[in-house]
Amino acid sequence: MITAKIGNRIRELRTQTGLSQEKFAQKIGMDRTYFASVELGKRNISIVNIEKIANGLEISLSELFKDI
């Protein structure tokens, strides 16, 4: 499912930053439990929140979706 693929990609990129879910969620102004559910593929996340995540990771949207 696409939500799981996106969640896995986000988790992979976030772990490369060395930030915990909590610290990263704070950085981008997102609730930690919501962010955790995104990484687990349990949310149909909006494009606005996808952009927040990409900006927090300091990557483009195209890089976020690479290989998905």
PDB file of N, CA and C in Angstrom:
ATOM      1  N   MET A   1       0.844  -1.181   0.000  1.00  0.00           N
ATOM      2  CA  MET A   1       0.000   0.000   0.000  1.00  0.00           C
ATOM      3  C   MET A   1       0.893   1.250   0.000  1.00  0.00           C
ATOM      4  N   ILE A   2       0.449   2.269  -0.666  1.00  0.00           N
ATOM      5  CA  ILE A   2       1.260   3.479  -0.840  1.00  0.00           C
ATOM      6  C   ILE A   2       1.565   4.169   0.489  1.00  0.00           C
ATOM      7  N   THR A   3       0.623   4.155   1.431  1.00  0.00           N
ATOM      8  CA  THR A   3       0.880   4.818   2.714  1.00  0.00           C
ATOM      9  C   THR A   3       2.026   4.133   3.462  1.00  0.00           C
ATOM     10  N   ALA A   4       2.108   2.824   3.370  1.00  0.00           N
ATOM     11  CA  ALA A   4       3.207   2.090   4.020  1.00  0.00           C
ATOM     12  C   ALA A   4       4.539   2.386   3.336  1.00  0.00           C
ATOM     13  N   LYS A   5       4.528   2.472   2.011  1.00  0.00           N
ATOM     14  CA  LYS A   5       5.765   2.778   1.282  1.00  0.00           C
ATOM     15  C   LYS A   5       6.279   4.171   1.640  1.00  0.00           C
ATOM     16  N   ILE A   6       5.360   5.134   1.694  1.00  0.00           N
ATOM     17  CA  ILE A   6       5.760   6.506   2.049  1.00  0.00           C
ATOM     18  C   ILE A   6       6.256   6.546   3.490  1.00  0.00           C
ATOM     19  N   GLY A   7       5.549   5.874   4.388  1.00  0.00           N
ATOM     20  CA  GLY A   7       5.960   5.830   5.791  1.00  0.00           C
ATOM     21  C   GLY A   7       7.337   5.230   5.970  1.00  0.00           C
ATOM     22  N   ASN A   8       7.608   4.139   5.269  1.00  0.00           N
ATOM     23  CA  ASN A   8       8.930   3.508   5.349  1.00  0.00           C
ATOM     24  C   ASN A   8      10.015   4.431   4.830  1.00  0.00           C
ATOM     25  N   ARG A   9       9.720   5.125   3.745  1.00  0.00           N
ATOM     26  CA  ARG A   9      10.697   6.059   3.166  1.00  0.00           C
ATOM     27  C   ARG A   9      10.984   7.203   4.133  1.00  0.00           C
ATOM     28  N   ILE A  10       9.930   7.733   4.741  1.00  0.00           N
ATOM     29  CA  ILE A  10      10.103   8.824   5.702  1.00  0.00           C
ATOM     30  C   ILE A  10      10.929   8.342   6.897  1.00  0.00           C
ATOM     31  N   ARG A  11      10.613   7.165   7.414  1.00  0.00           N
ATOM     32  CA  ARG A  11      11.364   6.612   8.552  1.00  0.00           C
ATOM     33  C   ARG A  11      12.842   6.443   8.191  1.00  0.00           C
ATOM     34  N   GLU A  12      13.084   5.902   7.008  1.00  0.00           N
ATOM     35  CA  GLU A  12      14.460   5.697   6.546  1.00  0.00           C
ATOM     36  C   GLU A  12      15.228   7.018   6.518  1.00  0.00           C
ATOM     37  N   LEU A  13      14.621   8.040   5.946  1.00  0.00           N
ATOM     38  CA  LEU A  13      15.281   9.337   5.834  1.00  0.00           C
ATOM     39  C   LEU A  13      15.431  10.021   7.191  1.00  0.00           C
ATOM     40  N   ARG A  14      14.410   9.895   8.046  1.00  0.00           N
ATOM     41  CA  ARG A  14      14.492  10.507   9.373  1.00  0.00           C
ATOM     42  C   ARG A  14      15.603   9.873  10.202  1.00  0.00           C
ATOM     43  N   THR A  15      15.730   8.561  10.154  1.00  0.00           N
ATOM     44  CA  THR A  15      16.770   7.901  10.949  1.00  0.00           C
ATOM     45  C   THR A  15      18.163   8.331  10.485  1.00  0.00           C
ATOM     46  N   GLN A  16      18.297   8.662   9.225  1.00  0.00           N
ATOM     47  CA  GLN A  16      19.580   9.156   8.720  1.00  0.00           C
ATOM     48  C   GLN A  16      19.945  10.504   9.332  1.00  0.00           C
ATOM     49  N   THR A  17      18.929  11.266   9.754  1.00  0.00           N
ATOM     50  CA  THR A  17      19.191  12.568  10.385  1.00  0.00           C
ATOM     51  C   THR A  17      19.647  12.410  11.828  1.00  0.00           C
ATOM     52  N   GLY A  18      19.390  11.229  12.412  1.00  0.00           N
ATOM     53  CA  GLY A  18      19.744  10.991  13.804  1.00  0.00           C
ATOM     54  C   GLY A  18      18.723  11.502  14.796  1.00  0.00           C
ATOM     55  N   LEU A  19      17.588  11.984  14.298  1.00  0.00           N
ATOM     56  CA  LEU A  19      16.550  12.515  15.182  1.00  0.00           C
ATOM     57  C   LEU A  19      15.523  11.441  15.515  1.00  0.00           C
ATOM     58  N   SER A  20      15.049  11.464  16.752  1.00  0.00           N
ATOM     59  CA  SER A  20      13.956  10.579  17.156  1.00  0.00           C
ATOM     60  C   SER A  20      12.662  11.066  16.515  1.00  0.00           C
ATOM     61  N   GLN A  21      11.642  10.231  16.574  1.00  0.00           N
ATOM     62  CA  GLN A  21      10.334  10.663  16.071  1.00  0.00           C
ATOM     63  C   GLN A  21       9.882  11.922  16.798  1.00  0.00           C
ATOM     64  N   GLU A  22      10.064  11.939  18.105  1.00  0.00           N
ATOM     65  CA  GLU A  22       9.624  13.080  18.903  1.00  0.00           C
ATOM     66  C   GLU A  22      10.352  14.359  18.508  1.00  0.00           C
ATOM     67  N   LYS A  23      11.670  14.298  18.406  1.00  0.00           N
ATOM     68  CA  LYS A  23      12.460  15.490  18.054  1.00  0.00           C
ATOM     69  C   LYS A  23      12.133  15.968  16.640  1.00  0.00           C
ATOM     70  N   PHE A  24      11.972  15.014  15.706  1.00  0.00           N
ATOM     71  CA  PHE A  24      11.659  15.412  14.340  1.00  0.00           C
ATOM     72  C   PHE A  24      10.261  16.024  14.264  1.00  0.00           C
ATOM     73  N   ALA A  25       9.290  15.416  14.940  1.00  0.00           N
ATOM     74  CA  ALA A  25       7.928  15.954  14.939  1.00  0.00           C
ATOM     75  C   ALA A  25       7.914  17.377  15.507  1.00  0.00           C
ATOM     76  N   GLN A  26       8.670  17.601  16.578  1.00  0.00           N
ATOM     77  CA  GLN A  26       8.772  18.954  17.143  1.00  0.00           C
ATOM     78  C   GLN A  26       9.375  19.918  16.126  1.00  0.00           C
ATOM     79  N   LYS A  27      10.404  19.473  15.448  1.00  0.00           N
ATOM     80  CA  LYS A  27      11.093  20.310  14.456  1.00  0.00           C
ATOM     81  C   LYS A  27      10.147  20.799  13.372  1.00  0.00           C
ATOM     82  N   ILE A  28       9.222  19.934  12.945  1.00  0.00           N
ATOM     83  CA  ILE A  28       8.330  20.308  11.846  1.00  0.00           C
ATOM     84  C   ILE A  28       6.948  20.762  12.322  1.00  0.00           C
ATOM     85  N   GLY A  29       6.752  20.842  13.629  1.00  0.00           N
ATOM     86  CA  GLY A  29       5.481  21.329  14.164  1.00  0.00           C
ATOM     87  C   GLY A  29       4.340  20.344  14.006  1.00  0.00           C
ATOM     88  N   MET A  30       4.635  19.071  14.194  1.00  0.00           N
ATOM     89  CA  MET A  30       3.635  18.018  14.021  1.00  0.00           C
ATOM     90  C   MET A  30       3.559  17.220  15.321  1.00  0.00           C
ATOM     91  N   ASP A  31       2.374  16.775  15.667  1.00  0.00           N
ATOM     92  CA  ASP A  31       2.200  15.938  16.849  1.00  0.00           C
ATOM     93  C   ASP A  31       2.955  14.621  16.666  1.00  0.00           C
ATOM     94  N   ARG A  32       3.650  14.176  17.712  1.00  0.00           N
ATOM     95  CA  ARG A  32       4.458  12.965  17.607  1.00  0.00           C
ATOM     96  C   ARG A  32       3.619  11.735  17.305  1.00  0.00           C
ATOM     97  N   THR A  33       2.460  11.621  17.907  1.00  0.00           N
ATOM     98  CA  THR A  33       1.640  10.432  17.653  1.00  0.00           C
ATOM     99  C   THR A  33       1.125  10.418  16.217  1.00  0.00           C
ATOM    100  N   TYR A  34       0.802  11.596  15.689  1.00  0.00           N
ATOM    101  CA  TYR A  34       0.386  11.677  14.289  1.00  0.00           C
ATOM    102  C   TYR A  34       1.551  11.279  13.385  1.00  0.00           C
ATOM    103  N   PHE A  35       2.732  11.828  13.672  1.00  0.00           N
ATOM    104  CA  PHE A  35       3.903  11.518  12.857  1.00  0.00           C
ATOM    105  C   PHE A  35       4.234  10.031  12.918  1.00  0.00           C
ATOM    106  N   ALA A  36       4.130   9.440  14.101  1.00  0.00           N
ATOM    107  CA  ALA A  36       4.400   8.001  14.249  1.00  0.00           C
ATOM    108  C   ALA A  36       3.438   7.182  13.394  1.00  0.00           C
ATOM    109  N   SER A  37       2.180   7.595  13.344  1.00  0.00           N
ATOM    110  CA  SER A  37       1.207   6.863  12.530  1.00  0.00           C
ATOM    111  C   SER A  37       1.480   7.042  11.040  1.00  0.00           C
ATOM    112  N   VAL A  38       2.074   8.157  10.650  1.00  0.00           N
ATOM    113  CA  VAL A  38       2.491   8.364   9.259  1.00  0.00           C
ATOM    114  C   VAL A  38       3.593   7.376   8.906  1.00  0.00           C
ATOM    115  N   GLU A  39       4.596   7.282   9.778  1.00  0.00           N
ATOM    116  CA  GLU A  39       5.700   6.349   9.528  1.00  0.00           C
ATOM    117  C   GLU A  39       5.228   4.897   9.491  1.00  0.00           C
ATOM    118  N   LEU A  40       4.187   4.591  10.229  1.00  0.00           N
ATOM    119  CA  LEU A  40       3.647   3.227  10.230  1.00  0.00           C
ATOM    120  C   LEU A  40       2.721   2.958   9.044  1.00  0.00           C
ATOM    121  N   GLY A  41       2.459   3.992   8.256  1.00  0.00           N
ATOM    122  CA  GLY A  41       1.596   3.832   7.090  1.00  0.00           C
ATOM    123  C   GLY A  41       0.128   3.776   7.430  1.00  0.00           C
ATOM    124  N   LYS A  42      -0.234   4.303   8.585  1.00  0.00           N
ATOM    125  CA  LYS A  42      -1.624   4.259   9.044  1.00  0.00           C
ATOM    126  C   LYS A  42      -2.400   5.537   8.746  1.00  0.00           C
ATOM    127  N   ARG A  43      -1.774   6.487   8.116  1.00  0.00           N
ATOM    128  CA  ARG A  43      -2.417   7.770   7.804  1.00  0.00           C
ATOM    129  C   ARG A  43      -2.405   8.025   6.306  1.00  0.00           C
ATOM    130  N   ASN A  44      -3.488   8.580   5.838  1.00  0.00           N
ATOM    131  CA  ASN A  44      -3.557   9.095   4.475  1.00  0.00           C
ATOM    132  C   ASN A  44      -3.168  10.572   4.589  1.00  0.00           C
ATOM    133  N   ILE A  45      -1.883  10.815   4.557  1.00  0.00           N
ATOM    134  CA  ILE A  45      -1.315  12.122   4.866  1.00  0.00           C
ATOM    135  C   ILE A  45      -1.566  13.130   3.742  1.00  0.00           C
ATOM    136  N   SER A  46      -1.808  14.372   4.135  1.00  0.00           N
ATOM    137  CA  SER A  46      -2.060  15.429   3.151  1.00  0.00           C
ATOM    138  C   SER A  46      -0.753  15.884   2.512  1.00  0.00           C
ATOM    139  N   ILE A  47      -0.870  16.477   1.365  1.00  0.00           N
ATOM    140  CA  ILE A  47       0.307  16.992   0.656  1.00  0.00           C
ATOM    141  C   ILE A  47       0.965  18.116   1.453  1.00  0.00           C
ATOM    142  N   VAL A  48       0.186  18.863   2.216  1.00  0.00           N
ATOM    143  CA  VAL A  48       0.743  19.932   3.050  1.00  0.00           C
ATOM    144  C   VAL A  48       1.678  19.329   4.100  1.00  0.00           C
ATOM    145  N   ASN A  49       1.256  18.243   4.736  1.00  0.00           N
ATOM    146  CA  ASN A  49       2.096  17.596   5.743  1.00  0.00           C
ATOM    147  C   ASN A  49       3.279  16.876   5.108  1.00  0.00           C
ATOM    148  N   ILE A  50       3.102  16.344   3.917  1.00  0.00           N
ATOM    149  CA  ILE A  50       4.222  15.733   3.198  1.00  0.00           C
ATOM    150  C   ILE A  50       5.283  16.792   2.913  1.00  0.00           C
ATOM    151  N   GLU A  51       4.841  17.981   2.544  1.00  0.00           N
ATOM    152  CA  GLU A  51       5.788  19.071   2.293  1.00  0.00           C
ATOM    153  C   GLU A  51       6.524  19.473   3.571  1.00  0.00           C
ATOM    154  N   LYS A  52       5.814  19.514   4.704  1.00  0.00           N
ATOM    155  CA  LYS A  52       6.464  19.829   5.985  1.00  0.00           C
ATOM    156  C   LYS A  52       7.569  18.813   6.290  1.00  0.00           C
ATOM    157  N   ILE A  53       7.268  17.552   6.041  1.00  0.00           N
ATOM    158  CA  ILE A  53       8.244  16.494   6.307  1.00  0.00           C
ATOM    159  C   ILE A  53       9.453  16.638   5.387  1.00  0.00           C
ATOM    160  N   ALA A  54       9.205  16.842   4.106  1.00  0.00           N
ATOM    161  CA  ALA A  54      10.314  17.023   3.156  1.00  0.00           C
ATOM    162  C   ALA A  54      11.170  18.217   3.547  1.00  0.00           C
ATOM    163  N   ASN A  55      10.534  19.315   3.918  1.00  0.00           N
ATOM    164  CA  ASN A  55      11.290  20.500   4.344  1.00  0.00           C
ATOM    165  C   ASN A  55      12.102  20.202   5.606  1.00  0.00           C
ATOM    166  N   GLY A  56      11.516  19.459   6.534  1.00  0.00           N
ATOM    167  CA  GLY A  56      12.227  19.082   7.753  1.00  0.00           C
ATOM    168  C   GLY A  56      13.420  18.193   7.474  1.00  0.00           C
ATOM    169  N   LEU A  57      13.301  17.372   6.454  1.00  0.00           N
ATOM    170  CA  LEU A  57      14.398  16.501   6.045  1.00  0.00           C
ATOM    171  C   LEU A  57      15.400  17.229   5.143  1.00  0.00           C
ATOM    172  N   GLU A  58      15.032  18.446   4.753  1.00  0.00           N
ATOM    173  CA  GLU A  58      15.844  19.285   3.868  1.00  0.00           C
ATOM    174  C   GLU A  58      16.087  18.607   2.522  1.00  0.00           C
ATOM    175  N   ILE A  59      14.978  18.036   1.980  1.00  0.00           N
ATOM    176  CA  ILE A  59      15.019  17.401   0.664  1.00  0.00           C
ATOM    177  C   ILE A  59      13.822  17.878  -0.147  1.00  0.00           C
ATOM    178  N   SER A  60      13.879  17.655  -1.451  1.00  0.00           N
ATOM    179  CA  SER A  60      12.764  18.012  -2.323  1.00  0.00           C
ATOM    180  C   SER A  60      11.680  16.937  -2.232  1.00  0.00           C
ATOM    181  N   LEU A  61      10.495  17.282  -2.693  1.00  0.00           N
ATOM    182  CA  LEU A  61       9.417  16.297  -2.740  1.00  0.00           C
ATOM    183  C   LEU A  61       9.790  15.138  -3.655  1.00  0.00           C
ATOM    184  N   SER A  62      10.463  15.442  -4.750  1.00  0.00           N
ATOM    185  CA  SER A  62      10.848  14.361  -5.676  1.00  0.00           C
ATOM    186  C   SER A  62      11.834  13.405  -5.019  1.00  0.00           C
ATOM    187  N   GLU A  63      12.731  13.920  -4.198  1.00  0.00           N
ATOM    188  CA  GLU A  63      13.675  13.056  -3.477  1.00  0.00           C
ATOM    189  C   GLU A  63      12.935  12.197  -2.442  1.00  0.00           C
ATOM    190  N   LEU A  64      11.938  12.786  -1.785  1.00  0.00           N
ATOM    191  CA  LEU A  64      11.152  12.031  -0.818  1.00  0.00           C
ATOM    192  C   LEU A  64      10.463  10.834  -1.482  1.00  0.00           C
ATOM    193  N   PHE A  65       9.954  11.032  -2.691  1.00  0.00           N
ATOM    194  CA  PHE A  65       9.211   9.981  -3.383  1.00  0.00           C
ATOM    195  C   PHE A  65      10.093   9.075  -4.252  1.00  0.00           C
ATOM    196  N   LYS A  66      11.401   9.279  -4.203  1.00  0.00           N
ATOM    197  CA  LYS A  66      12.307   8.474  -5.007  1.00  0.00           C
ATOM    198  C   LYS A  66      12.157   6.989  -4.657  1.00  0.00           C
ATOM    199  N   ASP A  67      12.056   6.168  -5.674  1.00  0.00           N
ATOM    200  CA  ASP A  67      11.955   4.698  -5.546  1.00  0.00           C
ATOM    201  C   ASP A  67      10.666   4.204  -4.887  1.00  0.00           C
ATOM    202  N   ILE A  68       9.647   5.031  -4.843  1.00  0.00           N
ATOM    203  CA  ILE A  68       8.363   4.578  -4.292  1.00  0.00           C
ATOM    204  C   ILE A  68       7.470   4.122  -5.416  1.00  0.00           C
TER     205      ILE A  68
END
